[in-house]
Amino acid sequence: MSLMKGDLVRVPANSCLTQRVSELAIIDKYTYLERPTLGIFIKYIEQQALIFINNNYWMVRLRDARYVGANYVS
């Protein structure tokens, strides 16, 4: 399944989120989620997804970004 810009995604607990501090930075800023979190998919970058979570843009592995379906909406 491919995600489109604006899709709601769920990122599970214990997933690693990273941010590029600058193009020349050796070490990225990172954090681990304590609980499952919802975010908005922005775009694919290499083998990761750029997701807007808690007023910040974060990179997450593709296998951790899961599409949130709307099965029960009428």
Protein backbone atom coordinates (compact mmCIF):
# COMPACT_ATOMS: atom_id res chain seq x y z
CA MET A 1 0.00 0.00 0.00
CA SER A 2 1.38 3.39 -0.86
CA LEU A 3 0.61 6.39 1.27
CA MET A 4 -0.43 9.78 -0.08
CA LYS A 5 0.30 13.20 1.40
CA GLY A 6 -2.22 13.93 4.16
CA ASP A 7 -2.95 10.27 5.06
CA LEU A 8 -3.41 9.55 8.75
CA VAL A 9 -0.86 7.01 9.97
CA ARG A 10 -0.31 5.19 13.24
CA VAL A 11 3.20 4.75 14.60
CA PRO A 12 3.50 2.00 17.24
CA ALA A 13 5.12 2.39 20.67
CA ASN A 14 8.90 1.94 20.86
CA SER A 15 9.38 3.21 17.30
CA CYS A 16 12.41 5.42 16.74
CA LEU A 17 11.69 8.88 15.31
CA THR A 18 14.58 10.89 13.88
CA GLN A 19 15.10 14.46 12.72
CA ARG A 20 17.93 15.79 10.58
CA VAL A 21 19.48 18.67 12.52
CA SER A 22 21.32 19.94 9.43
CA GLU A 23 22.73 18.55 6.21
CA LEU A 24 26.23 18.47 7.74
CA ALA A 25 25.24 16.91 11.07
CA ILE A 26 26.74 13.54 11.90
CA ILE A 27 24.24 12.78 14.64
CA ASP A 28 20.50 13.22 14.17
CA LYS A 29 18.02 14.20 16.86
CA TYR A 30 15.99 11.13 17.84
CA THR A 31 13.35 9.93 20.27
CA TYR A 32 11.46 6.72 21.01
CA LEU A 33 7.68 6.75 21.33
CA GLU A 34 6.30 5.69 24.70
CA ARG A 35 2.83 4.93 23.30
CA PRO A 36 1.21 4.52 19.88
CA THR A 37 0.85 7.88 18.15
CA LEU A 38 -1.10 9.24 15.20
CA GLY A 39 0.55 11.47 12.61
CA ILE A 40 0.08 12.88 9.12
CA PHE A 41 2.09 11.40 6.28
CA ILE A 42 4.00 14.03 4.25
CA LYS A 43 6.29 12.16 1.81
CA TYR A 44 8.70 9.30 1.24
CA ILE A 45 12.43 9.94 1.65
CA GLU A 46 14.59 6.97 0.64
CA GLN A 47 13.46 4.02 2.82
CA GLN A 48 11.66 6.20 5.37
CA ALA A 49 8.52 8.29 5.71
CA LEU A 50 8.36 11.94 6.73
CA ILE A 51 5.50 12.30 9.23
CA PHE A 52 4.09 15.31 11.07
CA ILE A 53 3.69 14.34 14.74
CA ASN A 54 3.19 16.67 17.74
CA ASN A 55 3.96 19.87 15.78
CA ASN A 56 7.27 18.48 14.42
CA TYR A 57 8.39 16.69 11.28
CA TRP A 58 9.91 13.26 12.01
CA MET A 59 11.39 10.48 9.92
CA VAL A 60 10.21 6.93 10.67
CA ARG A 61 10.93 3.56 9.08
CA LEU A 62 8.33 2.57 6.49
CA ARG A 63 7.40 -0.62 8.33
CA ASP A 64 6.44 1.48 11.40
CA ALA A 65 4.10 3.84 9.51
CA ARG A 66 0.73 2.11 9.29
CA TYR A 67 -2.24 3.53 7.41
CA VAL A 68 -5.27 4.23 9.62
CA GLY A 69 -8.36 3.02 7.78
CA ALA A 70 -11.89 4.30 8.16
CA ASN A 71 -13.78 1.00 8.25
CA TYR A 72 -16.46 2.10 10.71
CA VAL A 73 -17.33 5.50 9.26
CA SER A 74 -20.83 5.71 7.80
